Amino acid sequence: MFRERRRFDDQSGWTLVELLVVISVIAIVASLALMQRGATNERLQRQNASRELKAAFERARFDSVKRRADGTGSRPYAYVEVRSNGFTLRTYNDDVNANPVARDQSLTFPSGVVLTHYSSGTIPMTITFNRRGETAGGVPQFRVCNVSCASPTNATAETILVTPTGTVNILAGNATIPSFTNTALAGSTSNTASINYDVIIP
């Protein structure tokens, strides 16, 4: 009896070269996807930092308006101290004797997210808000960028702007800051007894 030998000549399969080509293509596609994900994560971190800074300005403003802050020891201004790598928000709560107690909340930006002043202001900078919600102490115009703010674009930066009346805006990274003028007052009054000085524009 003769044993029948199996023949492998007609069987299909992958060659070593074909396998190496497929693995190389998969590796290239995976690396491109990871690079894209890394850029997306950096963008999300920057946008989150911008939103957190905007919220801190709004909370400081609200706190000063709510407490009718006048800068005295009993009613100090709320403020935000802006640093190149984060910020500190200071608000106040009253203790049982109605004395203001400072409450600080600090945030440090993730690595790769930096903050600079929009023009030539120095950082750290402290932005305070008075009882009318208006700003004082520095020009509150900042850029939040990925890695560097040397040449900001819409894809790499946001501009945080606090107007003289205290409203906070997030603009595109390469936006031009609009100019603001004080509102002109018209008319006069002879009876000052009924005027609420907290709402008068000086």
C-alpha atoms as a PDB file:
ATOM      1  CA  MET A   1       0.000   0.000   0.000  1.00  0.00           C
ATOM      2  CA  PHE A   2       1.099   3.409  -0.872  1.00  0.00           C
ATOM      3  CA  ARG A   3       0.313   6.335   1.330  1.00  0.00           C
ATOM      4  CA  GLU A   4      -1.145   9.261  -0.472  1.00  0.00           C
ATOM      5  CA  ARG A   5       0.987  12.354  -0.077  1.00  0.00           C
ATOM      6  CA  ARG A   6      -0.738  15.644   0.491  1.00  0.00           C
ATOM      7  CA  ARG A   7       0.071  18.360  -1.901  1.00  0.00           C
ATOM      8  CA  PHE A   8       0.268  21.931  -0.669  1.00  0.00           C
ATOM      9  CA  ASP A   9       0.875  23.566  -3.994  1.00  0.00           C
ATOM     10  CA  ASP A  10      -2.746  24.498  -4.575  1.00  0.00           C
ATOM     11  CA  GLN A  11      -3.549  25.877  -1.083  1.00  0.00           C
ATOM     12  CA  SER A  12      -4.114  29.594  -0.746  1.00  0.00           C
ATOM     13  CA  GLY A  13      -2.698  31.767   2.087  1.00  0.00           C
ATOM     14  CA  TRP A  14      -0.764  34.873   3.045  1.00  0.00           C
ATOM     15  CA  THR A  15       2.885  35.319   2.368  1.00  0.00           C
ATOM     16  CA  LEU A  16       5.201  36.923   4.888  1.00  0.00           C
ATOM     17  CA  VAL A  17       5.563  40.010   2.692  1.00  0.00           C
ATOM     18  CA  GLU A  18       1.796  40.468   2.481  1.00  0.00           C
ATOM     19  CA  LEU A  19       1.462  40.209   6.253  1.00  0.00           C
ATOM     20  CA  LEU A  20       4.216  42.794   6.788  1.00  0.00           C
ATOM     21  CA  VAL A  21       2.536  45.206   4.367  1.00  0.00           C
ATOM     22  CA  VAL A  22      -0.847  44.875   6.122  1.00  0.00           C
ATOM     23  CA  ILE A  23       0.711  45.348   9.574  1.00  0.00           C
ATOM     24  CA  SER A  24       2.604  48.429   8.357  1.00  0.00           C
ATOM     25  CA  VAL A  25      -0.566  50.016   6.960  1.00  0.00           C
ATOM     26  CA  ILE A  26      -2.451  49.339  10.208  1.00  0.00           C
ATOM     27  CA  ALA A  27       0.395  50.856  12.240  1.00  0.00           C
ATOM     28  CA  ILE A  28       0.431  54.015  10.096  1.00  0.00           C
ATOM     29  CA  VAL A  29      -3.335  54.483  10.334  1.00  0.00           C
ATOM     30  CA  ALA A  30      -3.263  53.920  14.104  1.00  0.00           C
ATOM     31  CA  SER A  31      -0.459  56.453  14.625  1.00  0.00           C
ATOM     32  CA  LEU A  32      -2.329  59.074  12.570  1.00  0.00           C
ATOM     33  CA  ALA A  33      -5.460  58.480  14.636  1.00  0.00           C
ATOM     34  CA  LEU A  34      -3.511  58.851  17.887  1.00  0.00           C
ATOM     35  CA  MET A  35      -1.915  62.090  16.677  1.00  0.00           C
ATOM     36  CA  GLN A  36      -5.334  63.476  15.790  1.00  0.00           C
ATOM     37  CA  ARG A  37      -6.706  62.445  19.169  1.00  0.00           C
ATOM     38  CA  GLY A  38      -3.791  64.165  20.913  1.00  0.00           C
ATOM     39  CA  ALA A  39      -4.512  67.439  19.075  1.00  0.00           C
ATOM     40  CA  THR A  40      -8.198  67.164  19.955  1.00  0.00           C
ATOM     41  CA  ASN A  41      -7.392  66.599  23.635  1.00  0.00           C
ATOM     42  CA  GLU A  42      -5.132  69.680  23.676  1.00  0.00           C
ATOM     43  CA  ARG A  43      -7.896  71.768  22.087  1.00  0.00           C
ATOM     44  CA  LEU A  44     -10.461  70.521  24.623  1.00  0.00           C
ATOM     45  CA  GLN A  45      -8.121  71.271  27.529  1.00  0.00           C
ATOM     46  CA  ARG A  46      -7.580  74.830  26.249  1.00  0.00           C
ATOM     47  CA  GLN A  47     -11.295  75.419  25.713  1.00  0.00           C
ATOM     48  CA  ASN A  48     -12.097  74.074  29.191  1.00  0.00           C
ATOM     49  CA  ALA A  49      -9.476  76.395  30.710  1.00  0.00           C
ATOM     50  CA  SER A  50     -11.042  79.354  28.861  1.00  0.00           C
ATOM     51  CA  ARG A  51     -14.512  78.475  30.116  1.00  0.00           C
ATOM     52  CA  GLU A  52     -13.237  78.065  33.695  1.00  0.00           C
ATOM     53  CA  LEU A  53     -11.579  81.506  33.591  1.00  0.00           C
ATOM     54  CA  LYS A  54     -14.742  83.078  32.164  1.00  0.00           C
ATOM     55  CA  ALA A  55     -16.813  81.466  34.930  1.00  0.00           C
ATOM     56  CA  ALA A  56     -14.370  82.749  37.584  1.00  0.00           C
ATOM     57  CA  PHE A  57     -14.735  86.335  36.323  1.00  0.00           C
ATOM     58  CA  GLU A  58     -18.526  86.012  36.307  1.00  0.00           C
ATOM     59  CA  ARG A  59     -18.602  84.579  39.836  1.00  0.00           C
ATOM     60  CA  ALA A  60     -16.361  87.362  41.189  1.00  0.00           C
ATOM     61  CA  ARG A  61     -18.565  89.967  39.543  1.00  0.00           C
ATOM     62  CA  PHE A  62     -21.746  88.412  40.904  1.00  0.00           C
ATOM     63  CA  ASP A  63     -20.243  88.172  44.392  1.00  0.00           C
ATOM     64  CA  SER A  64     -19.325  91.874  44.495  1.00  0.00           C
ATOM     65  CA  VAL A  65     -22.728  92.933  43.189  1.00  0.00           C
ATOM     66  CA  LYS A  66     -24.596  90.654  45.595  1.00  0.00           C
ATOM     67  CA  ARG A  67     -22.642  91.884  48.648  1.00  0.00           C
ATOM     68  CA  ARG A  68     -22.639  95.523  47.434  1.00  0.00           C
ATOM     69  CA  ALA A  69     -18.867  95.546  47.763  1.00  0.00           C
ATOM     70  CA  ASP A  70     -17.301  98.974  48.239  1.00  0.00           C
ATOM     71  CA  GLY A  71     -13.701  97.985  48.959  1.00  0.00           C
ATOM     72  CA  THR A  72     -13.924  98.535  52.704  1.00  0.00           C
ATOM     73  CA  GLY A  73     -13.006  96.013  55.367  1.00  0.00           C
ATOM     74  CA  SER A  74     -16.637  95.063  55.859  1.00  0.00           C
ATOM     75  CA  ARG A  75     -17.413  94.759  52.142  1.00  0.00           C
ATOM     76  CA  PRO A  76     -14.206  93.953  50.233  1.00  0.00           C
ATOM     77  CA  TYR A  77     -14.127  93.495  46.462  1.00  0.00           C
ATOM     78  CA  ALA A  78     -14.192  90.018  44.978  1.00  0.00           C
ATOM     79  CA  TYR A  79     -11.393  89.422  42.510  1.00  0.00           C
ATOM     80  CA  VAL A  80      -9.605  87.025  40.178  1.00  0.00           C
ATOM     81  CA  GLU A  81      -5.814  86.814  40.229  1.00  0.00           C
ATOM     82  CA  VAL A  82      -4.705  85.655  36.779  1.00  0.00           C
ATOM     83  CA  ARG A  83      -1.414  83.777  36.383  1.00  0.00           C
ATOM     84  CA  SER A  84       0.310  82.342  33.320  1.00  0.00           C
ATOM     85  CA  ASN A  85      -0.611  78.800  34.372  1.00  0.00           C
ATOM     86  CA  GLY A  86      -3.981  79.346  36.066  1.00  0.00           C
ATOM     87  CA  PHE A  87      -5.942  81.667  38.340  1.00  0.00           C
ATOM     88  CA  THR A  88      -7.283  82.170  41.857  1.00  0.00           C
ATOM     89  CA  LEU A  89     -10.855  83.315  42.487  1.00  0.00           C
ATOM     90  CA  ARG A  90     -11.577  85.111  45.778  1.00  0.00           C
ATOM     91  CA  THR A  91     -15.143  85.497  46.980  1.00  0.00           C
ATOM     92  CA  TYR A  92     -16.508  86.151  50.454  1.00  0.00           C
ATOM     93  CA  ASN A  93     -18.969  84.602  52.879  1.00  0.00           C
ATOM     94  CA  ASP A  94     -20.201  86.251  56.046  1.00  0.00           C
ATOM     95  CA  ASP A  95     -19.547  84.582  59.393  1.00  0.00           C
ATOM     96  CA  VAL A  96     -22.045  84.587  62.272  1.00  0.00           C
ATOM     97  CA  ASN A  97     -21.045  88.157  63.173  1.00  0.00           C
ATOM     98  CA  ALA A  98     -21.537  89.366  59.562  1.00  0.00           C
ATOM     99  CA  ASN A  99     -17.788  89.705  59.036  1.00  0.00           C
ATOM    100  CA  PRO A 100     -16.504  88.772  55.571  1.00  0.00           C
ATOM    101  CA  VAL A 101     -14.533  85.550  55.355  1.00  0.00           C
ATOM    102  CA  ALA A 102     -12.444  85.058  52.208  1.00  0.00           C
ATOM    103  CA  ARG A 103     -12.890  81.893  50.201  1.00  0.00           C
ATOM    104  CA  ASP A 104     -10.260  81.121  47.574  1.00  0.00           C
ATOM    105  CA  GLN A 105     -10.582  78.671  44.704  1.00  0.00           C
ATOM    106  CA  SER A 106      -7.504  78.044  42.572  1.00  0.00           C
ATOM    107  CA  LEU A 107      -7.151  76.296  39.255  1.00  0.00           C
ATOM    108  CA  THR A 108      -3.909  75.313  37.554  1.00  0.00           C
ATOM    109  CA  PHE A 109      -4.152  74.754  33.816  1.00  0.00           C
ATOM    110  CA  PRO A 110      -3.078  71.409  32.335  1.00  0.00           C
ATOM    111  CA  SER A 111       0.434  71.137  30.974  1.00  0.00           C
ATOM    112  CA  GLY A 112       0.602  72.726  27.518  1.00  0.00           C
ATOM    113  CA  VAL A 113      -2.066  75.384  28.200  1.00  0.00           C
ATOM    114  CA  VAL A 114      -0.701  78.885  28.825  1.00  0.00           C
ATOM    115  CA  LEU A 115      -2.246  82.282  29.469  1.00  0.00           C
ATOM    116  CA  THR A 116      -0.884  85.671  28.433  1.00  0.00           C
ATOM    117  CA  HIS A 117      -2.155  89.220  28.444  1.00  0.00           C
ATOM    118  CA  TYR A 118      -3.679  90.241  25.126  1.00  0.00           C
ATOM    119  CA  SER A 119      -1.417  93.254  24.610  1.00  0.00           C
ATOM    120  CA  SER A 120       1.363  94.294  26.944  1.00  0.00           C
ATOM    121  CA  GLY A 121      -0.018  93.841  30.431  1.00  0.00           C
ATOM    122  CA  THR A 122       1.998  92.009  33.032  1.00  0.00           C
ATOM    123  CA  ILE A 123       0.967  88.753  34.623  1.00  0.00           C
ATOM    124  CA  PRO A 124       0.133  87.958  37.394  1.00  0.00           C
ATOM    125  CA  MET A 125      -2.698  90.485  37.294  1.00  0.00           C
ATOM    126  CA  THR A 126      -5.561  90.981  39.735  1.00  0.00           C
ATOM    127  CA  ILE A 127      -8.978  91.959  38.342  1.00  0.00           C
ATOM    128  CA  THR A 128     -11.440  93.319  40.926  1.00  0.00           C
ATOM    129  CA  PHE A 129     -15.154  94.038  40.600  1.00  0.00           C
ATOM    130  CA  ASN A 130     -17.104  96.757  42.410  1.00  0.00           C
ATOM    131  CA  ARG A 131     -20.716  96.837  43.581  1.00  0.00           C
ATOM    132  CA  ARG A 132     -21.931  97.727  40.085  1.00  0.00           C
ATOM    133  CA  GLY A 133     -20.032  94.809  38.576  1.00  0.00           C
ATOM    134  CA  GLU A 134     -17.506  97.076  36.881  1.00  0.00           C
ATOM    135  CA  THR A 135     -13.865  96.091  36.614  1.00  0.00           C
ATOM    136  CA  ALA A 136     -10.872  97.730  38.211  1.00  0.00           C
ATOM    137  CA  GLY A 137      -7.212  96.825  38.561  1.00  0.00           C
ATOM    138  CA  GLY A 138      -5.661  96.132  35.179  1.00  0.00           C
ATOM    139  CA  VAL A 139      -6.957  95.661  31.670  1.00  0.00           C
ATOM    140  CA  PRO A 140      -8.755  92.285  31.629  1.00  0.00           C
ATOM    141  CA  GLN A 141      -7.915  91.017  28.150  1.00  0.00           C
ATOM    142  CA  PHE A 142      -6.213  87.633  27.958  1.00  0.00           C
ATOM    143  CA  ARG A 143      -5.348  84.831  25.566  1.00  0.00           C
ATOM    144  CA  VAL A 144      -5.474  81.156  26.493  1.00  0.00           C
ATOM    145  CA  CYS A 145      -3.269  79.172  24.115  1.00  0.00           C
ATOM    146  CA  ASN A 146      -1.809  75.771  23.426  1.00  0.00           C
ATOM    147  CA  VAL A 147       1.945  75.760  24.146  1.00  0.00           C
ATOM    148  CA  SER A 148       2.606  79.376  23.072  1.00  0.00           C
ATOM    149  CA  CYS A 149       0.703  82.573  22.311  1.00  0.00           C
ATOM    150  CA  ALA A 150       3.373  83.893  19.942  1.00  0.00           C
ATOM    151  CA  SER A 151       1.148  83.553  16.869  1.00  0.00           C
ATOM    152  CA  PRO A 152      -2.419  82.758  18.010  1.00  0.00           C
ATOM    153  CA  THR A 153      -5.012  81.437  15.575  1.00  0.00           C
ATOM    154  CA  ASN A 154      -8.592  80.293  15.938  1.00  0.00           C
ATOM    155  CA  ALA A 155      -7.325  76.715  16.155  1.00  0.00           C
ATOM    156  CA  THR A 156      -4.742  77.343  18.897  1.00  0.00           C
ATOM    157  CA  ALA A 157      -6.173  80.064  21.155  1.00  0.00           C
ATOM    158  CA  GLU A 158      -9.163  81.847  22.673  1.00  0.00           C
ATOM    159  CA  THR A 159      -9.365  85.466  23.755  1.00  0.00           C
ATOM    160  CA  ILE A 160     -11.023  86.260  27.095  1.00  0.00           C
ATOM    161  CA  LEU A 161     -12.366  89.805  27.301  1.00  0.00           C
ATOM    162  CA  VAL A 162     -13.942  91.521  30.299  1.00  0.00           C
ATOM    163  CA  THR A 163     -15.639  94.755  29.250  1.00  0.00           C
ATOM    164  CA  PRO A 164     -15.596  97.904  31.426  1.00  0.00           C
ATOM    165  CA  THR A 165     -19.148  97.080  32.561  1.00  0.00           C
ATOM    166  CA  GLY A 166     -18.014  93.623  33.696  1.00  0.00           C
ATOM    167  CA  THR A 167     -19.512  91.317  31.088  1.00  0.00           C
ATOM    168  CA  VAL A 168     -17.217  88.471  30.049  1.00  0.00           C
ATOM    169  CA  ASN A 169     -16.770  87.222  26.482  1.00  0.00           C
ATOM    170  CA  ILE A 170     -14.800  84.450  24.789  1.00  0.00           C
ATOM    171  CA  LEU A 171     -13.608  85.489  21.334  1.00  0.00           C
ATOM    172  CA  ALA A 172     -11.625  83.750  18.615  1.00  0.00           C
ATOM    173  CA  GLY A 173      -7.896  83.447  19.199  1.00  0.00           C
ATOM    174  CA  ASN A 174      -6.889  86.003  16.583  1.00  0.00           C
ATOM    175  CA  ALA A 175      -9.821  88.363  17.194  1.00  0.00           C
ATOM    176  CA  THR A 176      -9.260  92.095  17.475  1.00  0.00           C
ATOM    177  CA  ILE A 177     -10.439  93.609  20.738  1.00  0.00           C
ATOM    178  CA  PRO A 178     -13.292  96.053  20.116  1.00  0.00           C
ATOM    179  CA  SER A 179     -13.082  99.530  21.601  1.00  0.00           C
ATOM    180  CA  PHE A 180     -15.492 100.602  24.313  1.00  0.00           C
ATOM    181  CA  THR A 181     -16.660 104.062  25.295  1.00  0.00           C
ATOM    182  CA  ASN A 182     -18.390 105.143  28.471  1.00  0.00           C
ATOM    183  CA  THR A 183     -22.118 105.701  28.239  1.00  0.00           C
ATOM    184  CA  ALA A 184     -23.012 109.389  28.078  1.00  0.00           C
ATOM    185  CA  LEU A 185     -25.401 110.570  30.755  1.00  0.00           C
ATOM    186  CA  ALA A 186     -28.232 112.934  29.890  1.00  0.00           C
ATOM    187  CA  GLY A 187     -30.517 114.967  32.101  1.00  0.00           C
ATOM    188  CA  SER A 188     -30.171 115.936  35.713  1.00  0.00           C
ATOM    189  CA  THR A 189     -32.103 115.764  38.928  1.00  0.00           C
ATOM    190  CA  SER A 190     -32.483 118.260  41.723  1.00  0.00           C
ATOM    191  CA  ASN A 191     -33.625 115.853  44.410  1.00  0.00           C
ATOM    192  CA  THR A 192     -30.797 113.480  45.370  1.00  0.00           C
ATOM    193  CA  ALA A 193     -32.611 111.956  48.341  1.00  0.00           C
ATOM    194  CA  SER A 194     -34.285 109.285  46.245  1.00  0.00           C
ATOM    195  CA  ILE A 195     -31.227 108.324  44.189  1.00  0.00           C
ATOM    196  CA  ASN A 196     -29.718 104.904  44.691  1.00  0.00           C
ATOM    197  CA  TYR A 197     -26.001 105.542  44.332  1.00  0.00           C
ATOM    198  CA  ASP A 198     -25.304 101.878  43.741  1.00  0.00           C
ATOM    199  CA  VAL A 199     -26.819 102.030  40.278  1.00  0.00           C
ATOM    200  CA  ILE A 200     -25.592 105.444  39.113  1.00  0.00           C
ATOM    201  CA  ILE A 201     -22.949 105.494  36.424  1.00  0.00           C
ATOM    202  CA  PRO A 202     -20.220 107.898  37.645  1.00  0.00           C
END
